[in-house]
Amino acid sequence: MSRPILLSVFLLTVLALFDRSLSACGDKFLVLGRSVGYGSLLKASKPGSLVLYSTPSLPKVFSTKGGFDLVMDVAGHRLSTVSDRSSLERTLASGKIDLVLADPATSRQIGAFVNTSSTALVVPILVDGAVGQRTVLETEFGCVMPLADPRKVIDALDKAMKLRAKRAAAHGA
């Protein structure tokens, strides 16, 4: 019985004699940078003006209280919603729209019109039934937006913004 106590006292004494800091490995980063804020993880690299073409085939997450608008707000994007072609035409006429988000069928219907009347880029939203069409849609539109976790959505929109900038530069040259 005295042996375990003696061993414990010895170990505590040895630890007390060594005047080294026994901090955790992540403490260095916390002290230097005060950690990474979680809010910056969802920030878009280039925020833009987005139009969501709302149709009944889109999931509820895209409804007014579905949460998609909140994710776009946190990312820094300005989101507006239209539900018919005349509203889309009026919105595109302002000239301040970067991306138009729509389901695959609607994207095909409005794609030519959007490309000829503005510099905006149509980005199809991969809804449940269109996941198998991903490669076809990427070939047709250049990018797609998966219905996934917020980080993948932001990454897809960043890719779309870069593609839009590249196309705008090509048209301007």
N, C-alpha and C. Protein backbone atom coordinates (compact mmCIF):
# COMPACT_ATOMS: atom_id res chain seq x y z
N MET A 1 0.81 -1.18 0.00
CA MET A 1 0.00 0.00 0.00
C MET A 1 0.87 1.26 0.00
N SER A 2 1.94 1.25 0.72
CA SER A 2 2.81 2.42 0.76
C SER A 2 3.58 2.60 -0.54
N ARG A 3 3.76 1.50 -1.29
CA ARG A 3 4.50 1.59 -2.56
C ARG A 3 3.75 2.45 -3.59
N PRO A 4 2.44 2.25 -3.82
CA PRO A 4 1.74 3.13 -4.78
C PRO A 4 1.71 4.59 -4.33
N ILE A 5 1.63 4.81 -3.04
CA ILE A 5 1.62 6.19 -2.54
C ILE A 5 2.99 6.82 -2.76
N LEU A 6 4.04 6.05 -2.49
CA LEU A 6 5.40 6.54 -2.68
C LEU A 6 5.66 6.84 -4.16
N LEU A 7 5.18 5.98 -5.03
CA LEU A 7 5.35 6.17 -6.47
C LEU A 7 4.60 7.42 -6.93
N SER A 8 3.41 7.65 -6.43
CA SER A 8 2.62 8.83 -6.78
C SER A 8 3.30 10.11 -6.32
N VAL A 9 3.83 10.11 -5.09
CA VAL A 9 4.52 11.28 -4.56
C VAL A 9 5.76 11.56 -5.40
N PHE A 10 6.48 10.50 -5.77
CA PHE A 10 7.68 10.66 -6.58
C PHE A 10 7.35 11.28 -7.95
N LEU A 11 6.30 10.80 -8.59
CA LEU A 11 5.91 11.33 -9.90
C LEU A 11 5.46 12.79 -9.80
N LEU A 12 4.72 13.12 -8.77
CA LEU A 12 4.30 14.50 -8.58
C LEU A 12 5.48 15.42 -8.32
N THR A 13 6.46 14.94 -7.58
CA THR A 13 7.66 15.73 -7.29
C THR A 13 8.45 15.96 -8.57
N VAL A 14 8.60 14.91 -9.37
CA VAL A 14 9.34 15.05 -10.64
C VAL A 14 8.63 16.04 -11.54
N LEU A 15 7.32 15.95 -11.63
CA LEU A 15 6.58 16.89 -12.47
C LEU A 15 6.67 18.31 -11.96
N ALA A 16 6.70 18.50 -10.65
CA ALA A 16 6.79 19.83 -10.06
C ALA A 16 8.16 20.44 -10.26
N LEU A 17 9.20 19.61 -10.31
CA LEU A 17 10.56 20.12 -10.48
C LEU A 17 10.81 20.63 -11.90
N PHE A 18 10.19 19.99 -12.86
CA PHE A 18 10.35 20.44 -14.23
C PHE A 18 9.45 21.64 -14.44
N ASP A 19 10.07 22.77 -14.69
CA ASP A 19 9.31 24.01 -14.81
C ASP A 19 8.94 24.28 -16.28
N ARG A 20 8.38 23.30 -16.93
CA ARG A 20 7.94 23.46 -18.31
C ARG A 20 6.44 23.63 -18.34
N SER A 21 6.03 24.36 -19.29
CA SER A 21 4.60 24.54 -19.47
C SER A 21 4.03 23.29 -20.14
N LEU A 22 2.97 22.76 -19.60
CA LEU A 22 2.34 21.58 -20.14
C LEU A 22 1.04 21.96 -20.86
N SER A 23 1.15 22.92 -21.76
CA SER A 23 -0.05 23.37 -22.47
C SER A 23 -0.36 22.45 -23.63
N ALA A 24 -1.57 22.50 -24.04
CA ALA A 24 -2.01 21.65 -25.15
C ALA A 24 -1.46 22.19 -26.46
N CYS A 25 -1.44 21.34 -27.46
CA CYS A 25 -0.82 21.73 -28.73
C CYS A 25 -1.60 22.83 -29.44
N GLY A 26 -2.88 22.94 -29.27
CA GLY A 26 -3.66 23.97 -29.95
C GLY A 26 -3.58 25.33 -29.30
N ASP A 27 -3.04 25.40 -28.09
CA ASP A 27 -2.97 26.67 -27.38
C ASP A 27 -2.11 27.70 -28.09
N LYS A 28 -1.10 27.26 -28.79
CA LYS A 28 -0.22 28.20 -29.48
C LYS A 28 -1.00 28.99 -30.52
N PHE A 29 -1.88 28.31 -31.27
CA PHE A 29 -2.66 28.98 -32.29
C PHE A 29 -3.73 29.88 -31.66
N LEU A 30 -4.27 29.46 -30.55
CA LEU A 30 -5.28 30.26 -29.87
C LEU A 30 -4.66 31.56 -29.36
N VAL A 31 -3.46 31.49 -28.83
CA VAL A 31 -2.79 32.66 -28.29
C VAL A 31 -2.39 33.60 -29.43
N LEU A 32 -1.85 33.06 -30.51
CA LEU A 32 -1.38 33.90 -31.61
C LEU A 32 -2.52 34.54 -32.39
N GLY A 33 -3.49 33.75 -32.83
CA GLY A 33 -4.53 34.27 -33.70
C GLY A 33 -5.88 34.39 -33.06
N ARG A 34 -6.00 34.07 -31.82
CA ARG A 34 -7.27 34.09 -31.09
C ARG A 34 -8.30 33.21 -31.79
N SER A 35 -7.84 32.14 -32.38
CA SER A 35 -8.63 31.11 -33.05
C SER A 35 -9.30 31.62 -34.31
N VAL A 36 -9.82 30.73 -35.09
CA VAL A 36 -10.51 31.05 -36.33
C VAL A 36 -11.98 31.19 -36.00
N GLY A 37 -12.57 32.27 -36.42
CA GLY A 37 -13.99 32.47 -36.17
C GLY A 37 -14.82 31.59 -37.08
N TYR A 38 -15.85 30.99 -36.55
CA TYR A 38 -16.70 30.12 -37.35
C TYR A 38 -17.46 30.88 -38.42
N GLY A 39 -17.71 32.14 -38.18
CA GLY A 39 -18.42 32.94 -39.17
C GLY A 39 -17.63 33.10 -40.46
N SER A 40 -16.31 33.15 -40.37
CA SER A 40 -15.50 33.32 -41.57
C SER A 40 -15.44 32.04 -42.41
N LEU A 41 -15.82 30.92 -41.85
CA LEU A 41 -15.78 29.68 -42.62
C LEU A 41 -16.84 29.65 -43.71
N LEU A 42 -17.92 30.37 -43.54
CA LEU A 42 -19.00 30.38 -44.52
C LEU A 42 -19.01 31.64 -45.38
N LYS A 43 -17.96 32.43 -45.35
CA LYS A 43 -17.92 33.65 -46.16
C LYS A 43 -17.56 33.30 -47.60
N ALA A 44 -18.24 33.94 -48.51
CA ALA A 44 -17.94 33.76 -49.93
C ALA A 44 -16.68 34.52 -50.28
N SER A 45 -15.88 33.99 -51.20
CA SER A 45 -14.66 34.68 -51.59
C SER A 45 -14.98 35.94 -52.38
N LYS A 46 -16.07 35.92 -53.14
CA LYS A 46 -16.52 37.11 -53.86
C LYS A 46 -18.04 37.16 -53.79
N PRO A 47 -18.59 37.86 -52.82
CA PRO A 47 -20.05 37.94 -52.70
C PRO A 47 -20.67 38.62 -53.92
N GLY A 48 -21.87 38.19 -54.26
CA GLY A 48 -22.53 38.74 -55.42
C GLY A 48 -24.03 38.89 -55.20
N SER A 49 -24.69 39.34 -56.27
CA SER A 49 -26.14 39.49 -56.26
C SER A 49 -26.75 38.27 -56.95
N LEU A 50 -27.58 37.55 -56.22
CA LEU A 50 -28.18 36.32 -56.72
C LEU A 50 -29.67 36.47 -56.83
N VAL A 51 -30.23 35.82 -57.85
CA VAL A 51 -31.68 35.75 -58.01
C VAL A 51 -32.07 34.28 -57.95
N LEU A 52 -33.00 33.96 -57.09
CA LEU A 52 -33.54 32.61 -57.00
C LEU A 52 -34.86 32.58 -57.76
N TYR A 53 -34.91 31.77 -58.82
CA TYR A 53 -36.15 31.61 -59.57
C TYR A 53 -36.94 30.51 -58.86
N SER A 54 -37.92 30.91 -58.11
CA SER A 54 -38.67 30.00 -57.26
C SER A 54 -39.76 29.26 -58.05
N THR A 55 -39.75 27.95 -57.95
CA THR A 55 -40.77 27.10 -58.58
C THR A 55 -41.23 26.07 -57.55
N PRO A 56 -42.39 25.46 -57.76
CA PRO A 56 -42.86 24.43 -56.82
C PRO A 56 -41.95 23.20 -56.75
N SER A 57 -41.11 22.98 -57.76
CA SER A 57 -40.25 21.80 -57.74
C SER A 57 -39.03 21.96 -56.84
N LEU A 58 -38.76 23.17 -56.38
CA LEU A 58 -37.64 23.37 -55.46
C LEU A 58 -38.01 22.89 -54.06
N PRO A 59 -37.05 22.33 -53.33
CA PRO A 59 -37.33 21.88 -51.95
C PRO A 59 -37.69 23.05 -51.04
N LYS A 60 -38.27 22.72 -49.88
CA LYS A 60 -38.73 23.73 -48.92
C LYS A 60 -37.59 24.59 -48.37
N VAL A 61 -36.37 24.10 -48.44
CA VAL A 61 -35.24 24.87 -47.91
C VAL A 61 -35.12 26.21 -48.65
N PHE A 62 -35.65 26.30 -49.87
CA PHE A 62 -35.58 27.53 -50.64
C PHE A 62 -36.77 28.44 -50.43
N SER A 63 -37.70 28.04 -49.58
CA SER A 63 -38.85 28.89 -49.29
C SER A 63 -38.41 30.06 -48.42
N THR A 64 -39.33 30.97 -48.16
CA THR A 64 -39.01 32.18 -47.40
C THR A 64 -38.40 31.87 -46.04
N LYS A 65 -38.90 30.87 -45.35
CA LYS A 65 -38.40 30.53 -44.02
C LYS A 65 -37.56 29.26 -44.02
N GLY A 66 -37.07 28.85 -45.18
CA GLY A 66 -36.36 27.59 -45.30
C GLY A 66 -34.91 27.62 -44.83
N GLY A 67 -34.31 28.77 -44.73
CA GLY A 67 -32.94 28.87 -44.24
C GLY A 67 -31.91 29.19 -45.31
N PHE A 68 -32.25 29.02 -46.59
CA PHE A 68 -31.29 29.30 -47.66
C PHE A 68 -30.93 30.78 -47.68
N ASP A 69 -31.91 31.64 -47.46
CA ASP A 69 -31.65 33.08 -47.44
C ASP A 69 -30.71 33.46 -46.31
N LEU A 70 -30.81 32.77 -45.19
CA LEU A 70 -29.92 33.03 -44.05
C LEU A 70 -28.48 32.62 -44.39
N VAL A 71 -28.31 31.47 -45.04
CA VAL A 71 -26.97 31.02 -45.44
C VAL A 71 -26.36 32.02 -46.42
N MET A 72 -27.17 32.51 -47.35
CA MET A 72 -26.66 33.49 -48.33
C MET A 72 -26.29 34.79 -47.64
N ASP A 73 -27.06 35.19 -46.65
CA ASP A 73 -26.77 36.41 -45.91
C ASP A 73 -25.45 36.28 -45.14
N VAL A 74 -25.25 35.14 -44.49
CA VAL A 74 -24.00 34.90 -43.75
C VAL A 74 -22.81 34.89 -44.70
N ALA A 75 -23.00 34.32 -45.89
CA ALA A 75 -21.92 34.24 -46.88
C ALA A 75 -21.60 35.60 -47.48
N GLY A 76 -22.54 36.54 -47.40
CA GLY A 76 -22.31 37.87 -47.96
C GLY A 76 -23.03 38.12 -49.27
N HIS A 77 -23.74 37.13 -49.78
CA HIS A 77 -24.49 37.29 -51.02
C HIS A 77 -25.78 38.05 -50.77
N ARG A 78 -26.22 38.81 -51.77
CA ARG A 78 -27.52 39.48 -51.73
C ARG A 78 -28.48 38.63 -52.54
N LEU A 79 -29.52 38.15 -51.91
CA LEU A 79 -30.46 37.23 -52.56
C LEU A 79 -31.81 37.88 -52.74
N SER A 80 -32.33 37.78 -53.95
CA SER A 80 -33.71 38.18 -54.21
C SER A 80 -34.40 37.00 -54.88
N THR A 81 -35.71 36.97 -54.79
CA THR A 81 -36.47 35.84 -55.31
C THR A 81 -37.49 36.34 -56.32
N VAL A 82 -37.60 35.62 -57.43
CA VAL A 82 -38.64 35.87 -58.43
C VAL A 82 -39.37 34.57 -58.67
N SER A 83 -40.61 34.68 -59.15
CA SER A 83 -41.38 33.46 -59.38
C SER A 83 -41.96 33.37 -60.78
N ASP A 84 -41.68 34.38 -61.62
CA ASP A 84 -42.14 34.30 -63.00
C ASP A 84 -41.15 35.01 -63.92
N ARG A 85 -41.33 34.78 -65.21
CA ARG A 85 -40.36 35.29 -66.19
C ARG A 85 -40.38 36.82 -66.27
N SER A 86 -41.54 37.44 -66.15
CA SER A 86 -41.59 38.90 -66.23
C SER A 86 -40.85 39.55 -65.06
N SER A 87 -40.95 38.96 -63.89
CA SER A 87 -40.19 39.47 -62.73
C SER A 87 -38.69 39.28 -62.95
N LEU A 88 -38.32 38.16 -63.55
CA LEU A 88 -36.91 37.91 -63.86
C LEU A 88 -36.41 38.94 -64.87
N GLU A 89 -37.21 39.24 -65.88
CA GLU A 89 -36.81 40.23 -66.89
C GLU A 89 -36.59 41.60 -66.26
N ARG A 90 -37.50 42.01 -65.37
CA ARG A 90 -37.35 43.30 -64.69
C ARG A 90 -36.09 43.31 -63.82
N THR A 91 -35.84 42.21 -63.13
CA THR A 91 -34.68 42.14 -62.24
C THR A 91 -33.38 42.17 -63.05
N LEU A 92 -33.35 41.44 -64.15
CA LEU A 92 -32.14 41.42 -64.99
C LEU A 92 -31.91 42.76 -65.68
N ALA A 93 -32.98 43.51 -65.92
CA ALA A 93 -32.86 44.81 -66.58
C ALA A 93 -32.07 45.80 -65.73
N SER A 94 -32.03 45.58 -64.43
CA SER A 94 -31.26 46.47 -63.55
C SER A 94 -29.76 46.34 -63.82
N GLY A 95 -29.33 45.21 -64.35
CA GLY A 95 -27.92 45.02 -64.69
C GLY A 95 -27.02 44.71 -63.52
N LYS A 96 -27.57 44.47 -62.36
CA LYS A 96 -26.75 44.25 -61.17
C LYS A 96 -26.82 42.82 -60.66
N ILE A 97 -27.21 41.88 -61.50
CA ILE A 97 -27.36 40.49 -61.09
C ILE A 97 -26.18 39.68 -61.60
N ASP A 98 -25.60 38.87 -60.70
CA ASP A 98 -24.47 38.02 -61.06
C ASP A 98 -24.89 36.60 -61.42
N LEU A 99 -25.75 36.00 -60.60
CA LEU A 99 -26.15 34.60 -60.80
C LEU A 99 -27.66 34.46 -60.70
N VAL A 100 -28.20 33.55 -61.52
CA VAL A 100 -29.61 33.19 -61.44
C VAL A 100 -29.66 31.71 -61.07
N LEU A 101 -30.26 31.40 -59.94
CA LEU A 101 -30.37 30.02 -59.46
C LEU A 101 -31.76 29.49 -59.78
N ALA A 102 -31.81 28.29 -60.34
CA ALA A 102 -33.11 27.70 -60.69
C ALA A 102 -32.98 26.19 -60.75
N ASP A 103 -34.12 25.49 -60.72
CA ASP A 103 -34.08 24.05 -60.88
C ASP A 103 -33.66 23.73 -62.32
N PRO A 104 -33.23 22.49 -62.61
CA PRO A 104 -32.71 22.17 -63.94
C PRO A 104 -33.66 22.46 -65.10
N ALA A 105 -34.93 22.11 -64.96
CA ALA A 105 -35.88 22.35 -66.05
C ALA A 105 -36.05 23.84 -66.32
N THR A 106 -36.19 24.62 -65.28
CA THR A 106 -36.33 26.08 -65.44
C THR A 106 -35.04 26.68 -65.97
N SER A 107 -33.90 26.15 -65.54
CA SER A 107 -32.60 26.65 -66.03
C SER A 107 -32.51 26.52 -67.53
N ARG A 108 -32.99 25.41 -68.06
CA ARG A 108 -32.97 25.20 -69.51
C ARG A 108 -33.93 26.17 -70.22
N GLN A 109 -35.05 26.47 -69.59
CA GLN A 109 -36.03 27.37 -70.20
C GLN A 109 -35.54 28.81 -70.25
N ILE A 110 -34.85 29.25 -69.20
CA ILE A 110 -34.44 30.65 -69.11
C ILE A 110 -32.98 30.88 -69.50
N GLY A 111 -32.22 29.82 -69.72
CA GLY A 111 -30.78 29.94 -69.97
C GLY A 111 -30.42 30.85 -71.13
N ALA A 112 -31.02 30.62 -72.28
CA ALA A 112 -30.70 31.42 -73.46
C ALA A 112 -31.10 32.88 -73.25
N PHE A 113 -32.27 33.10 -72.66
CA PHE A 113 -32.73 34.47 -72.41
C PHE A 113 -31.77 35.21 -71.48
N VAL A 114 -31.37 34.57 -70.39
CA VAL A 114 -30.48 35.21 -69.42
C VAL A 114 -29.13 35.52 -70.06
N ASN A 115 -28.60 34.59 -70.85
CA ASN A 115 -27.29 34.80 -71.47
C ASN A 115 -27.30 35.93 -72.49
N THR A 116 -28.41 36.11 -73.20
CA THR A 116 -28.46 37.17 -74.21
C THR A 116 -28.83 38.53 -73.64
N SER A 117 -29.57 38.55 -72.54
CA SER A 117 -30.03 39.84 -72.01
C SER A 117 -29.20 40.39 -70.87
N SER A 118 -28.23 39.64 -70.37
CA SER A 118 -27.44 40.13 -69.24
C SER A 118 -26.10 39.40 -69.18
N THR A 119 -25.29 39.81 -68.21
CA THR A 119 -24.02 39.12 -67.98
C THR A 119 -24.16 38.07 -66.87
N ALA A 120 -25.37 37.88 -66.39
CA ALA A 120 -25.61 36.91 -65.32
C ALA A 120 -25.40 35.49 -65.84
N LEU A 121 -25.11 34.61 -64.93
CA LEU A 121 -24.89 33.20 -65.24
C LEU A 121 -25.99 32.37 -64.58
N VAL A 122 -26.56 31.44 -65.33
CA VAL A 122 -27.58 30.56 -64.78
C VAL A 122 -26.89 29.38 -64.10
N VAL A 123 -27.28 29.10 -62.86
CA VAL A 123 -26.72 27.99 -62.08
C VAL A 123 -27.86 27.05 -61.70
N PRO A 124 -27.89 25.86 -62.29
CA PRO A 124 -28.94 24.90 -61.91
C PRO A 124 -28.72 24.37 -60.50
N ILE A 125 -29.81 24.21 -59.77
CA ILE A 125 -29.77 23.63 -58.43
C ILE A 125 -30.05 22.15 -58.57
N LEU A 126 -29.15 21.33 -58.07
CA LEU A 126 -29.34 19.88 -58.16
C LEU A 126 -30.35 19.43 -57.12
N VAL A 127 -31.57 19.27 -57.53
CA VAL A 127 -32.60 18.73 -56.65
C VAL A 127 -32.54 17.22 -56.72
N ASP A 128 -33.29 16.53 -55.88
CA ASP A 128 -33.20 15.08 -55.76
C ASP A 128 -33.26 14.34 -57.09
N GLY A 129 -34.18 14.68 -57.96
CA GLY A 129 -34.34 13.96 -59.21
C GLY A 129 -33.26 14.25 -60.24
N ALA A 130 -32.48 15.32 -60.05
CA ALA A 130 -31.50 15.73 -61.06
C ALA A 130 -30.07 15.36 -60.73
N VAL A 131 -29.85 14.63 -59.64
CA VAL A 131 -28.48 14.30 -59.24
C VAL A 131 -27.79 13.48 -60.33
N GLY A 132 -28.51 12.61 -61.00
CA GLY A 132 -27.92 11.82 -62.08
C GLY A 132 -27.55 12.64 -63.29
N GLN A 133 -28.10 13.84 -63.42
CA GLN A 133 -27.82 14.72 -64.55
C GLN A 133 -26.65 15.67 -64.30
N ARG A 134 -25.94 15.48 -63.23
CA ARG A 134 -24.90 16.43 -62.82
C ARG A 134 -23.90 16.73 -63.94
N THR A 135 -23.33 15.73 -64.56
CA THR A 135 -22.31 15.96 -65.59
C THR A 135 -22.91 16.66 -66.81
N VAL A 136 -24.13 16.29 -67.18
CA VAL A 136 -24.79 16.94 -68.32
C VAL A 136 -25.02 18.41 -68.02
N LEU A 137 -25.49 18.71 -66.82
CA LEU A 137 -25.75 20.09 -66.43
C LEU A 137 -24.46 20.90 -66.31
N GLU A 138 -23.40 20.29 -65.79
CA GLU A 138 -22.11 20.99 -65.70
C GLU A 138 -21.57 21.31 -67.08
N THR A 139 -21.76 20.40 -68.03
CA THR A 139 -21.31 20.65 -69.39
C THR A 139 -22.13 21.77 -70.02
N GLU A 140 -23.43 21.75 -69.80
CA GLU A 140 -24.33 22.72 -70.41
C GLU A 140 -24.19 24.12 -69.82
N PHE A 141 -24.08 24.22 -68.49
CA PHE A 141 -24.07 25.52 -67.82
C PHE A 141 -22.71 25.92 -67.25
N GLY A 142 -21.79 25.01 -67.14
CA GLY A 142 -20.46 25.33 -66.61
C GLY A 142 -20.30 25.03 -65.13
N CYS A 143 -21.40 25.04 -64.38
CA CYS A 143 -21.36 24.73 -62.96
C CYS A 143 -22.77 24.41 -62.48
N VAL A 144 -22.84 23.75 -61.36
CA VAL A 144 -24.13 23.42 -60.73
C VAL A 144 -24.01 23.69 -59.24
N MET A 145 -25.15 23.84 -58.59
CA MET A 145 -25.15 24.02 -57.14
C MET A 145 -25.79 22.80 -56.50
N PRO A 146 -24.99 22.02 -55.76
CA PRO A 146 -25.57 20.85 -55.10
C PRO A 146 -26.41 21.26 -53.91
N LEU A 147 -27.38 20.46 -53.62
CA LEU A 147 -28.20 20.69 -52.44
C LEU A 147 -27.53 19.91 -51.31
N ALA A 148 -26.53 20.53 -50.69
CA ALA A 148 -25.69 19.85 -49.70
C ALA A 148 -25.48 20.76 -48.51
N ASP A 149 -24.42 20.49 -47.77
CA ASP A 149 -24.12 21.32 -46.61
C ASP A 149 -23.74 22.74 -47.07
N PRO A 150 -23.89 23.72 -46.21
CA PRO A 150 -23.67 25.12 -46.60
C PRO A 150 -22.29 25.38 -47.19
N ARG A 151 -21.25 24.73 -46.70
CA ARG A 151 -19.91 24.98 -47.23
C ARG A 151 -19.81 24.58 -48.70
N LYS A 152 -20.42 23.46 -49.07
CA LYS A 152 -20.38 23.02 -50.48
C LYS A 152 -21.20 23.95 -51.36
N VAL A 153 -22.28 24.48 -50.82
CA VAL A 153 -23.09 25.44 -51.57
C VAL A 153 -22.28 26.71 -51.82
N ILE A 154 -21.61 27.22 -50.79
CA ILE A 154 -20.80 28.42 -50.93
C ILE A 154 -19.66 28.18 -51.91
N ASP A 155 -19.01 27.01 -51.84
CA ASP A 155 -17.94 26.68 -52.77
C ASP A 155 -18.45 26.64 -54.21
N ALA A 156 -19.61 26.06 -54.42
CA ALA A 156 -20.19 25.99 -55.77
C ALA A 156 -20.51 27.39 -56.29
N LEU A 157 -21.03 28.25 -55.42
CA LEU A 157 -21.34 29.62 -55.84
C LEU A 157 -20.06 30.43 -56.09
N ASP A 158 -19.00 30.16 -55.33
CA ASP A 158 -17.71 30.81 -55.60
C ASP A 158 -17.20 30.40 -56.98
N LYS A 159 -17.33 29.13 -57.30
CA LYS A 159 -16.91 28.64 -58.62
C LYS A 159 -17.73 29.31 -59.72
N ALA A 160 -19.04 29.46 -59.49
CA ALA A 160 -19.91 30.11 -60.46
C ALA A 160 -19.53 31.58 -60.64
N MET A 161 -19.20 32.26 -59.55
CA MET A 161 -18.81 33.67 -59.65
C MET A 161 -17.51 33.82 -60.45
N LYS A 162 -16.56 32.89 -60.26
CA LYS A 162 -15.31 32.94 -61.03
C LYS A 162 -15.59 32.69 -62.51
N LEU A 163 -16.47 31.74 -62.81
CA LEU A 163 -16.83 31.44 -64.18
C LEU A 163 -17.53 32.64 -64.83
N ARG A 164 -18.40 33.28 -64.08
CA ARG A 164 -19.10 34.47 -64.59
C ARG A 164 -18.10 35.58 -64.90
N ALA A 165 -17.14 35.80 -64.01
CA ALA A 165 -16.13 36.83 -64.24
C ALA A 165 -15.29 36.51 -65.48
N LYS A 166 -14.96 35.25 -65.64
CA LYS A 166 -14.18 34.83 -66.80
C LYS A 166 -14.97 35.06 -68.10
N ARG A 167 -16.25 34.72 -68.08
CA ARG A 167 -17.10 34.92 -69.27
C ARG A 167 -17.32 36.40 -69.55
N ALA A 168 -17.48 37.19 -68.51
CA ALA A 168 -17.67 38.64 -68.69
C ALA A 168 -16.40 39.26 -69.28
N ALA A 169 -15.24 38.80 -68.84
CA ALA A 169 -13.99 39.31 -69.37
C ALA A 169 -13.82 38.91 -70.83
N ALA A 170 -14.25 37.71 -71.19
CA ALA A 170 -14.16 37.25 -72.57
C ALA A 170 -15.09 38.06 -73.48
N HIS A 171 -16.28 38.41 -72.98
CA HIS A 171 -17.22 39.20 -73.77
C HIS A 171 -16.77 40.64 -73.90
N GLY A 172 -16.08 41.13 -72.87
CA GLY A 172 -15.60 42.50 -72.87
C GLY A 172 -14.38 42.69 -73.74
N ALA A 173 -13.62 41.62 -73.98
CA ALA A 173 -12.40 41.74 -74.76
C ALA A 173 -12.65 41.71 -76.24
